[in-house]
Amino acid sequence: MVKALLTLLMLSGAALAGDWQDLLKAVQKSRSHMPAGNVEVLVVFPPSNKPVKMRKDLPQLNFLPGLVKKNFELDWKDSQVIAGRNTTMYTLTPRNRLSNAWVIWVDDEWQVPVAYQQQDLDGTTLRRVSFQHFTGTLNKLEKPYKQKLGYKSEIEKRVLRAMPGLVPPQPYRVVGIRRAVFQDVPSIEVYLSDGLNVIPVVIAPKGVQEAEGVAVVRLDQQFVWVVAKLPPAELLRIIRHLTDIKPEQIFNPGE
């Protein structure tokens, strides 16, 4: 009975623990190894005047394993071809309605991602990145990629204290903070993530216009805006109830 059930799961493409491990190992390996070739990057959201660009490497995924396994269901399908090479297609379906789905294609020989796609729950593609052809083999990167985002409860507590009324949508957590510059003035970026999808919250003395996927509020001398492919009411809810912003409390001394 157990053997029959396992066979059924394998035939249906339902992911087992080993499949998660295979995907996590492939993503981790991609931090230090990259194939040579040409990559097409299609970005539908946020909209831009040039949605398609070419580059020589695959942009790294913001992939936080603990949150991904908690917030997504995994299925797989083999015998998929990307740029003439055999791959396994991993489909990550969110358990929450406010997250986008992802598909990641992992090369069967090299065991690194060679394409990925982000799509909303209607199946509309928001972003697709894929090797179009390969010009060589798998290469070890001279400088391994170090992911900047990661969940730390201390940082999340600090941000929520400094920004009372900030409401990360479920199941998003605070995974990063960064000092930046917007229109020649200092700004702060707070990053929320469910493990794959990233929502930036920007604080600056200058603002932007509301648009599809962009909600804006003003609080005293600061503008706060958030960018994500969410229903307008859900997007605004993230920042609508902000009562104060204490930028000096977001960062520890020296950060």
C-alpha atoms as a PDB file:
ATOM      1  CA  MET A   1       0.000   0.000   0.000  1.00  0.00           C
ATOM      2  CA  VAL A   2       2.769   2.404   0.968  1.00  0.00           C
ATOM      3  CA  LYS A   3       4.766   1.514  -2.140  1.00  0.00           C
ATOM      4  CA  ALA A   4       1.718   2.120  -4.327  1.00  0.00           C
ATOM      5  CA  LEU A   5       1.136   5.507  -2.707  1.00  0.00           C
ATOM      6  CA  LEU A   6       4.751   6.546  -3.261  1.00  0.00           C
ATOM      7  CA  THR A   7       4.521   5.484  -6.889  1.00  0.00           C
ATOM      8  CA  LEU A   8       1.353   7.542  -7.317  1.00  0.00           C
ATOM      9  CA  LEU A   9       3.018  10.590  -5.799  1.00  0.00           C
ATOM     10  CA  MET A  10       5.987  10.229  -8.133  1.00  0.00           C
ATOM     11  CA  LEU A  11       3.796   9.900 -11.193  1.00  0.00           C
ATOM     12  CA  SER A  12       1.683  12.918 -10.225  1.00  0.00           C
ATOM     13  CA  GLY A  13       4.735  15.114  -9.682  1.00  0.00           C
ATOM     14  CA  ALA A  14       3.911  15.781  -6.026  1.00  0.00           C
ATOM     15  CA  ALA A  15       7.092  16.880  -4.277  1.00  0.00           C
ATOM     16  CA  LEU A  16       8.702  14.797  -1.559  1.00  0.00           C
ATOM     17  CA  ALA A  17      11.320  15.973   0.946  1.00  0.00           C
ATOM     18  CA  GLY A  18      14.089  14.981  -1.452  1.00  0.00           C
ATOM     19  CA  ASP A  19      12.666  17.204  -4.161  1.00  0.00           C
ATOM     20  CA  TRP A  20      12.853  20.192  -1.828  1.00  0.00           C
ATOM     21  CA  GLN A  21      16.454  19.317  -1.058  1.00  0.00           C
ATOM     22  CA  ASP A  22      17.304  19.028  -4.757  1.00  0.00           C
ATOM     23  CA  LEU A  23      15.865  22.485  -5.445  1.00  0.00           C
ATOM     24  CA  LEU A  24      17.523  24.091  -2.426  1.00  0.00           C
ATOM     25  CA  LYS A  25      20.885  22.569  -3.384  1.00  0.00           C
ATOM     26  CA  ALA A  26      20.515  23.867  -6.949  1.00  0.00           C
ATOM     27  CA  VAL A  27      19.757  27.402  -5.774  1.00  0.00           C
ATOM     28  CA  GLN A  28      22.674  27.278  -3.349  1.00  0.00           C
ATOM     29  CA  LYS A  29      25.023  25.994  -6.064  1.00  0.00           C
ATOM     30  CA  SER A  30      23.972  28.870  -8.345  1.00  0.00           C
ATOM     31  CA  ARG A  31      25.502  31.290  -5.828  1.00  0.00           C
ATOM     32  CA  SER A  32      28.952  30.043  -6.850  1.00  0.00           C
ATOM     33  CA  HIS A  33      28.465  28.532 -10.340  1.00  0.00           C
ATOM     34  CA  MET A  34      26.977  29.985 -13.532  1.00  0.00           C
ATOM     35  CA  PRO A  35      26.737  28.706 -17.126  1.00  0.00           C
ATOM     36  CA  ALA A  36      28.127  30.825 -19.960  1.00  0.00           C
ATOM     37  CA  GLY A  37      25.559  32.119 -22.436  1.00  0.00           C
ATOM     38  CA  ASN A  38      22.975  34.784 -23.227  1.00  0.00           C
ATOM     39  CA  VAL A  39      19.992  35.482 -20.984  1.00  0.00           C
ATOM     40  CA  GLU A  40      16.726  37.202 -21.873  1.00  0.00           C
ATOM     41  CA  VAL A  41      15.056  39.156 -19.061  1.00  0.00           C
ATOM     42  CA  LEU A  42      11.372  40.024 -19.497  1.00  0.00           C
ATOM     43  CA  VAL A  43       9.858  42.311 -16.834  1.00  0.00           C
ATOM     44  CA  VAL A  44       6.133  43.012 -17.200  1.00  0.00           C
ATOM     45  CA  PHE A  45       5.751  44.378 -13.657  1.00  0.00           C
ATOM     46  CA  PRO A  46       6.772  46.974 -12.664  1.00  0.00           C
ATOM     47  CA  PRO A  47       6.065  48.388 -16.158  1.00  0.00           C
ATOM     48  CA  SER A  48       8.938  50.011 -18.050  1.00  0.00           C
ATOM     49  CA  ASN A  49       9.702  51.476 -21.470  1.00  0.00           C
ATOM     50  CA  LYS A  50      12.069  48.593 -22.177  1.00  0.00           C
ATOM     51  CA  PRO A  51      10.550  45.384 -20.773  1.00  0.00           C
ATOM     52  CA  VAL A  52      13.014  43.042 -22.520  1.00  0.00           C
ATOM     53  CA  LYS A  53      16.766  43.133 -21.928  1.00  0.00           C
ATOM     54  CA  MET A  54      19.667  40.799 -22.636  1.00  0.00           C
ATOM     55  CA  ARG A  55      22.543  39.956 -20.316  1.00  0.00           C
ATOM     56  CA  LYS A  56      25.305  37.367 -19.910  1.00  0.00           C
ATOM     57  CA  ASP A  57      24.218  35.788 -16.634  1.00  0.00           C
ATOM     58  CA  LEU A  58      21.060  34.728 -14.833  1.00  0.00           C
ATOM     59  CA  PRO A  59      20.042  37.289 -12.170  1.00  0.00           C
ATOM     60  CA  GLN A  60      20.135  35.699  -8.743  1.00  0.00           C
ATOM     61  CA  LEU A  61      16.871  34.800  -7.038  1.00  0.00           C
ATOM     62  CA  ASN A  62      16.025  36.241  -3.640  1.00  0.00           C
ATOM     63  CA  PHE A  63      15.414  32.762  -2.229  1.00  0.00           C
ATOM     64  CA  LEU A  64      14.975  32.355   1.537  1.00  0.00           C
ATOM     65  CA  PRO A  65      14.687  28.579   2.126  1.00  0.00           C
ATOM     66  CA  GLY A  66      12.926  28.629   5.500  1.00  0.00           C
ATOM     67  CA  LEU A  67      10.186  30.982   4.328  1.00  0.00           C
ATOM     68  CA  VAL A  68       9.873  29.302   0.924  1.00  0.00           C
ATOM     69  CA  LYS A  69       9.239  25.860   2.423  1.00  0.00           C
ATOM     70  CA  LYS A  70       6.730  27.331   4.865  1.00  0.00           C
ATOM     71  CA  ASN A  71       4.791  29.432   2.363  1.00  0.00           C
ATOM     72  CA  PHE A  72       4.869  27.448  -0.909  1.00  0.00           C
ATOM     73  CA  GLU A  73       3.842  24.031  -2.151  1.00  0.00           C
ATOM     74  CA  LEU A  74       6.262  22.330  -4.538  1.00  0.00           C
ATOM     75  CA  ASP A  75       5.533  20.255  -7.633  1.00  0.00           C
ATOM     76  CA  TRP A  76       7.956  19.123 -10.316  1.00  0.00           C
ATOM     77  CA  LYS A  77       8.005  17.879 -13.869  1.00  0.00           C
ATOM     78  CA  ASP A  78      10.991  16.441 -15.706  1.00  0.00           C
ATOM     79  CA  SER A  79      11.924  16.315 -19.401  1.00  0.00           C
ATOM     80  CA  GLN A  80      11.598  20.079 -19.887  1.00  0.00           C
ATOM     81  CA  VAL A  81      13.947  21.737 -22.401  1.00  0.00           C
ATOM     82  CA  ILE A  82      15.548  25.180 -21.991  1.00  0.00           C
ATOM     83  CA  ALA A  83      17.869  26.386 -24.769  1.00  0.00           C
ATOM     84  CA  GLY A  84      18.407  22.828 -25.946  1.00  0.00           C
ATOM     85  CA  ARG A  85      19.231  21.364 -22.532  1.00  0.00           C
ATOM     86  CA  ASN A  86      17.185  18.990 -20.396  1.00  0.00           C
ATOM     87  CA  THR A  87      15.820  20.462 -17.196  1.00  0.00           C
ATOM     88  CA  THR A  88      13.456  19.713 -14.340  1.00  0.00           C
ATOM     89  CA  MET A  89      10.673  22.265 -13.858  1.00  0.00           C
ATOM     90  CA  TYR A  90       9.830  23.099 -10.241  1.00  0.00           C
ATOM     91  CA  THR A  91       6.513  24.882  -9.671  1.00  0.00           C
ATOM     92  CA  LEU A  92       6.121  26.781  -6.390  1.00  0.00           C
ATOM     93  CA  THR A  93       2.480  27.535  -5.639  1.00  0.00           C
ATOM     94  CA  PRO A  94       1.801  29.963  -2.767  1.00  0.00           C
ATOM     95  CA  ARG A  95      -0.315  28.889   0.158  1.00  0.00           C
ATOM     96  CA  ASN A  96      -1.488  32.494   0.571  1.00  0.00           C
ATOM     97  CA  ARG A  97      -3.514  34.526  -1.908  1.00  0.00           C
ATOM     98  CA  LEU A  98      -1.243  37.577  -1.601  1.00  0.00           C
ATOM     99  CA  SER A  99       1.820  35.808  -2.974  1.00  0.00           C
ATOM    100  CA  ASN A 100       2.831  35.227  -6.580  1.00  0.00           C
ATOM    101  CA  ALA A 101       3.656  31.799  -7.969  1.00  0.00           C
ATOM    102  CA  TRP A 102       7.096  30.873  -9.316  1.00  0.00           C
ATOM    103  CA  VAL A 103       8.485  28.320 -11.739  1.00  0.00           C
ATOM    104  CA  ILE A 104      12.195  27.418 -11.668  1.00  0.00           C
ATOM    105  CA  TRP A 105      13.920  25.289 -14.330  1.00  0.00           C
ATOM    106  CA  VAL A 106      17.014  23.428 -13.084  1.00  0.00           C
ATOM    107  CA  ASP A 107      19.509  21.954 -15.551  1.00  0.00           C
ATOM    108  CA  ASP A 108      19.644  18.185 -15.081  1.00  0.00           C
ATOM    109  CA  GLU A 109      23.418  17.912 -15.617  1.00  0.00           C
ATOM    110  CA  TRP A 110      24.688  21.144 -14.087  1.00  0.00           C
ATOM    111  CA  GLN A 111      22.129  21.217 -11.260  1.00  0.00           C
ATOM    112  CA  VAL A 112      21.714  24.999 -11.295  1.00  0.00           C
ATOM    113  CA  PRO A 113      18.716  27.113 -12.360  1.00  0.00           C
ATOM    114  CA  VAL A 114      18.777  28.160 -16.023  1.00  0.00           C
ATOM    115  CA  ALA A 115      15.380  29.916 -16.099  1.00  0.00           C
ATOM    116  CA  TYR A 116      12.659  31.134 -13.774  1.00  0.00           C
ATOM    117  CA  GLN A 117       9.298  32.839 -14.016  1.00  0.00           C
ATOM    118  CA  GLN A 118       7.115  34.833 -11.630  1.00  0.00           C
ATOM    119  CA  GLN A 119       3.377  34.875 -12.256  1.00  0.00           C
ATOM    120  CA  ASP A 120       0.255  36.086 -10.470  1.00  0.00           C
ATOM    121  CA  LEU A 121      -2.517  33.745  -9.409  1.00  0.00           C
ATOM    122  CA  ASP A 122      -4.324  34.334 -12.709  1.00  0.00           C
ATOM    123  CA  GLY A 123      -1.302  32.874 -14.471  1.00  0.00           C
ATOM    124  CA  THR A 124      -0.165  36.201 -15.947  1.00  0.00           C
ATOM    125  CA  THR A 125       3.612  36.395 -16.303  1.00  0.00           C
ATOM    126  CA  LEU A 126       5.149  39.220 -14.287  1.00  0.00           C
ATOM    127  CA  ARG A 127       8.779  38.349 -14.930  1.00  0.00           C
ATOM    128  CA  ARG A 128      10.595  35.670 -16.908  1.00  0.00           C
ATOM    129  CA  VAL A 129      14.334  35.148 -17.031  1.00  0.00           C
ATOM    130  CA  SER A 130      15.843  32.447 -19.239  1.00  0.00           C
ATOM    131  CA  PHE A 131      19.019  31.427 -21.006  1.00  0.00           C
ATOM    132  CA  GLN A 132      18.393  31.646 -24.762  1.00  0.00           C
ATOM    133  CA  HIS A 133      21.506  29.703 -25.675  1.00  0.00           C
ATOM    134  CA  PHE A 134      24.712  28.558 -24.038  1.00  0.00           C
ATOM    135  CA  THR A 135      28.215  29.435 -25.217  1.00  0.00           C
ATOM    136  CA  GLY A 136      30.144  27.212 -22.867  1.00  0.00           C
ATOM    137  CA  THR A 137      29.917  24.998 -19.837  1.00  0.00           C
ATOM    138  CA  LEU A 138      29.285  25.609 -16.141  1.00  0.00           C
ATOM    139  CA  ASN A 139      31.815  28.027 -14.649  1.00  0.00           C
ATOM    140  CA  LYS A 140      32.804  28.731 -11.074  1.00  0.00           C
ATOM    141  CA  LEU A 141      32.234  32.389 -10.214  1.00  0.00           C
ATOM    142  CA  GLU A 142      35.309  34.357  -9.180  1.00  0.00           C
ATOM    143  CA  LYS A 143      33.203  36.115  -6.554  1.00  0.00           C
ATOM    144  CA  PRO A 144      30.338  34.006  -5.149  1.00  0.00           C
ATOM    145  CA  TYR A 145      27.018  35.791  -4.779  1.00  0.00           C
ATOM    146  CA  LYS A 146      26.140  36.697  -1.204  1.00  0.00           C
ATOM    147  CA  GLN A 147      22.439  37.161  -0.623  1.00  0.00           C
ATOM    148  CA  LYS A 148      21.721  40.401   1.214  1.00  0.00           C
ATOM    149  CA  LEU A 149      18.189  39.577   2.348  1.00  0.00           C
ATOM    150  CA  GLY A 150      17.398  37.236   5.224  1.00  0.00           C
ATOM    151  CA  TYR A 151      14.933  37.016   8.071  1.00  0.00           C
ATOM    152  CA  LYS A 152      16.196  38.147  11.477  1.00  0.00           C
ATOM    153  CA  SER A 153      13.667  38.683  14.248  1.00  0.00           C
ATOM    154  CA  GLU A 154      15.769  41.474  15.778  1.00  0.00           C
ATOM    155  CA  ILE A 155      15.625  43.545  12.579  1.00  0.00           C
ATOM    156  CA  GLU A 156      11.902  42.900  12.131  1.00  0.00           C
ATOM    157  CA  LYS A 157      11.120  44.006  15.697  1.00  0.00           C
ATOM    158  CA  ARG A 158      13.263  47.112  15.275  1.00  0.00           C
ATOM    159  CA  VAL A 159      11.518  48.102  12.026  1.00  0.00           C
ATOM    160  CA  LEU A 160       8.025  47.551  13.434  1.00  0.00           C
ATOM    161  CA  ARG A 161       8.888  49.658  16.496  1.00  0.00           C
ATOM    162  CA  ALA A 162      10.301  52.434  14.327  1.00  0.00           C
ATOM    163  CA  MET A 163       7.312  52.334  11.953  1.00  0.00           C
ATOM    164  CA  PRO A 164       4.209  51.803  14.137  1.00  0.00           C
ATOM    165  CA  GLY A 165       1.246  50.910  11.939  1.00  0.00           C
ATOM    166  CA  LEU A 166       3.277  49.142   9.236  1.00  0.00           C
ATOM    167  CA  VAL A 167       1.317  45.986   8.379  1.00  0.00           C
ATOM    168  CA  PRO A 168       3.240  43.371   6.364  1.00  0.00           C
ATOM    169  CA  PRO A 169       0.670  41.222   4.541  1.00  0.00           C
ATOM    170  CA  GLN A 170       0.514  37.584   5.536  1.00  0.00           C
ATOM    171  CA  PRO A 171       2.816  35.681   5.208  1.00  0.00           C
ATOM    172  CA  TYR A 172       5.446  38.368   4.505  1.00  0.00           C
ATOM    173  CA  ARG A 173       8.208  39.156   7.005  1.00  0.00           C
ATOM    174  CA  VAL A 174      10.751  41.952   7.241  1.00  0.00           C
ATOM    175  CA  VAL A 175      13.890  40.540   5.608  1.00  0.00           C
ATOM    176  CA  GLY A 176      16.139  43.538   5.026  1.00  0.00           C
ATOM    177  CA  ILE A 177      16.833  47.253   5.379  1.00  0.00           C
ATOM    178  CA  ARG A 178      19.039  49.492   3.295  1.00  0.00           C
ATOM    179  CA  ARG A 179      20.122  53.117   3.110  1.00  0.00           C
ATOM    180  CA  ALA A 180      19.657  54.454  -0.420  1.00  0.00           C
ATOM    181  CA  VAL A 181      19.275  57.646  -2.463  1.00  0.00           C
ATOM    182  CA  PHE A 182      16.087  58.715  -4.244  1.00  0.00           C
ATOM    183  CA  GLN A 183      16.166  61.803  -6.486  1.00  0.00           C
ATOM    184  CA  ASP A 184      19.377  63.013  -4.821  1.00  0.00           C
ATOM    185  CA  VAL A 185      18.005  62.786  -1.277  1.00  0.00           C
ATOM    186  CA  PRO A 186      18.694  60.088   1.333  1.00  0.00           C
ATOM    187  CA  SER A 187      16.070  57.365   1.549  1.00  0.00           C
ATOM    188  CA  ILE A 188      15.479  54.123   3.414  1.00  0.00           C
ATOM    189  CA  GLU A 189      14.289  50.861   1.896  1.00  0.00           C
ATOM    190  CA  VAL A 190      12.594  48.163   3.963  1.00  0.00           C
ATOM    191  CA  TYR A 191      12.120  44.775   2.294  1.00  0.00           C
ATOM    192  CA  LEU A 192       9.261  42.371   2.996  1.00  0.00           C
ATOM    193  CA  SER A 193       9.288  38.816   1.650  1.00  0.00           C
ATOM    194  CA  ASP A 194       7.435  35.499   1.732  1.00  0.00           C
ATOM    195  CA  GLY A 195      10.655  33.733   0.757  1.00  0.00           C
ATOM    196  CA  LEU A 196      10.536  34.466  -2.994  1.00  0.00           C
ATOM    197  CA  ASN A 197       8.421  37.550  -3.637  1.00  0.00           C
ATOM    198  CA  VAL A 198       9.909  40.814  -2.366  1.00  0.00           C
ATOM    199  CA  ILE A 199       7.923  43.958  -1.523  1.00  0.00           C
ATOM    200  CA  PRO A 200       9.976  47.156  -1.096  1.00  0.00           C
ATOM    201  CA  VAL A 201       8.747  49.875   1.269  1.00  0.00           C
ATOM    202  CA  VAL A 202      10.518  53.179   0.583  1.00  0.00           C
ATOM    203  CA  ILE A 203      10.817  56.171   2.938  1.00  0.00           C
ATOM    204  CA  ALA A 204      12.042  59.499   1.520  1.00  0.00           C
ATOM    205  CA  PRO A 205      11.484  63.277   1.745  1.00  0.00           C
ATOM    206  CA  LYS A 206      10.301  63.144  -1.889  1.00  0.00           C
ATOM    207  CA  GLY A 207       7.487  60.964  -3.172  1.00  0.00           C
ATOM    208  CA  VAL A 208       6.176  59.258  -6.282  1.00  0.00           C
ATOM    209  CA  GLN A 209       2.797  59.214  -7.984  1.00  0.00           C
ATOM    210  CA  GLU A 210       0.269  56.528  -7.200  1.00  0.00           C
ATOM    211  CA  ALA A 211      -0.053  54.028 -10.053  1.00  0.00           C
ATOM    212  CA  GLU A 212      -0.918  50.420 -10.691  1.00  0.00           C
ATOM    213  CA  GLY A 213       1.001  48.460  -8.106  1.00  0.00           C
ATOM    214  CA  VAL A 214       2.150  51.602  -6.258  1.00  0.00           C
ATOM    215  CA  ALA A 215       0.545  52.973  -3.069  1.00  0.00           C
ATOM    216  CA  VAL A 216       1.746  56.205  -1.421  1.00  0.00           C
ATOM    217  CA  VAL A 217       1.111  57.959   1.897  1.00  0.00           C
ATOM    218  CA  ARG A 218       2.577  61.108   3.402  1.00  0.00           C
ATOM    219  CA  LEU A 219       3.427  61.382   7.069  1.00  0.00           C
ATOM    220  CA  ASP A 220       4.752  64.734   8.290  1.00  0.00           C
ATOM    221  CA  GLN A 221       7.787  65.489   6.101  1.00  0.00           C
ATOM    222  CA  GLN A 222       8.205  61.949   4.823  1.00  0.00           C
ATOM    223  CA  PHE A 223       6.659  60.030   1.941  1.00  0.00           C
ATOM    224  CA  VAL A 224       6.238  56.290   2.182  1.00  0.00           C
ATOM    225  CA  TRP A 225       5.406  54.116  -0.798  1.00  0.00           C
ATOM    226  CA  VAL A 226       5.161  50.425  -1.511  1.00  0.00           C
ATOM    227  CA  VAL A 227       5.408  48.547  -4.818  1.00  0.00           C
ATOM    228  CA  ALA A 228       3.793  45.141  -5.393  1.00  0.00           C
ATOM    229  CA  LYS A 229       1.371  43.296  -7.671  1.00  0.00           C
ATOM    230  CA  LEU A 230      -1.410  43.196  -5.094  1.00  0.00           C
ATOM    231  CA  PRO A 231      -5.056  44.328  -5.083  1.00  0.00           C
ATOM    232  CA  PRO A 232      -5.047  48.133  -4.467  1.00  0.00           C
ATOM    233  CA  ALA A 233      -6.746  47.894  -1.060  1.00  0.00           C
ATOM    234  CA  GLU A 234      -4.316  45.223   0.146  1.00  0.00           C
ATOM    235  CA  LEU A 235      -1.348  47.216  -1.111  1.00  0.00           C
ATOM    236  CA  LEU A 236      -2.439  50.417   0.645  1.00  0.00           C
ATOM    237  CA  ARG A 237      -3.177  48.510   3.838  1.00  0.00           C
ATOM    238  CA  ILE A 238       0.553  47.870   4.297  1.00  0.00           C
ATOM    239  CA  ILE A 239       1.253  51.570   4.936  1.00  0.00           C
ATOM    240  CA  ARG A 240      -2.174  53.210   5.445  1.00  0.00           C
ATOM    241  CA  HIS A 241      -2.133  52.953   9.242  1.00  0.00           C
ATOM    242  CA  LEU A 242       1.383  54.311   9.787  1.00  0.00           C
ATOM    243  CA  THR A 243       1.339  56.765  12.700  1.00  0.00           C
ATOM    244  CA  ASP A 244       5.020  57.640  12.954  1.00  0.00           C
ATOM    245  CA  ILE A 245       8.392  57.057  11.334  1.00  0.00           C
ATOM    246  CA  LYS A 246      11.600  57.059  13.355  1.00  0.00           C
ATOM    247  CA  PRO A 247      14.379  56.568  10.788  1.00  0.00           C
ATOM    248  CA  GLU A 248      17.103  56.749  13.427  1.00  0.00           C
ATOM    249  CA  GLN A 249      15.656  53.652  15.130  1.00  0.00           C
ATOM    250  CA  ILE A 250      15.582  51.475  12.019  1.00  0.00           C
ATOM    251  CA  PHE A 251      19.357  51.023  11.949  1.00  0.00           C
ATOM    252  CA  ASN A 252      21.742  50.134  14.736  1.00  0.00           C
ATOM    253  CA  PRO A 253      24.616  52.572  15.316  1.00  0.00           C
ATOM    254  CA  GLY A 254      27.209  52.058  12.597  1.00  0.00           C
ATOM    255  CA  GLU A 255      24.858  50.380  10.123  1.00  0.00           C
END
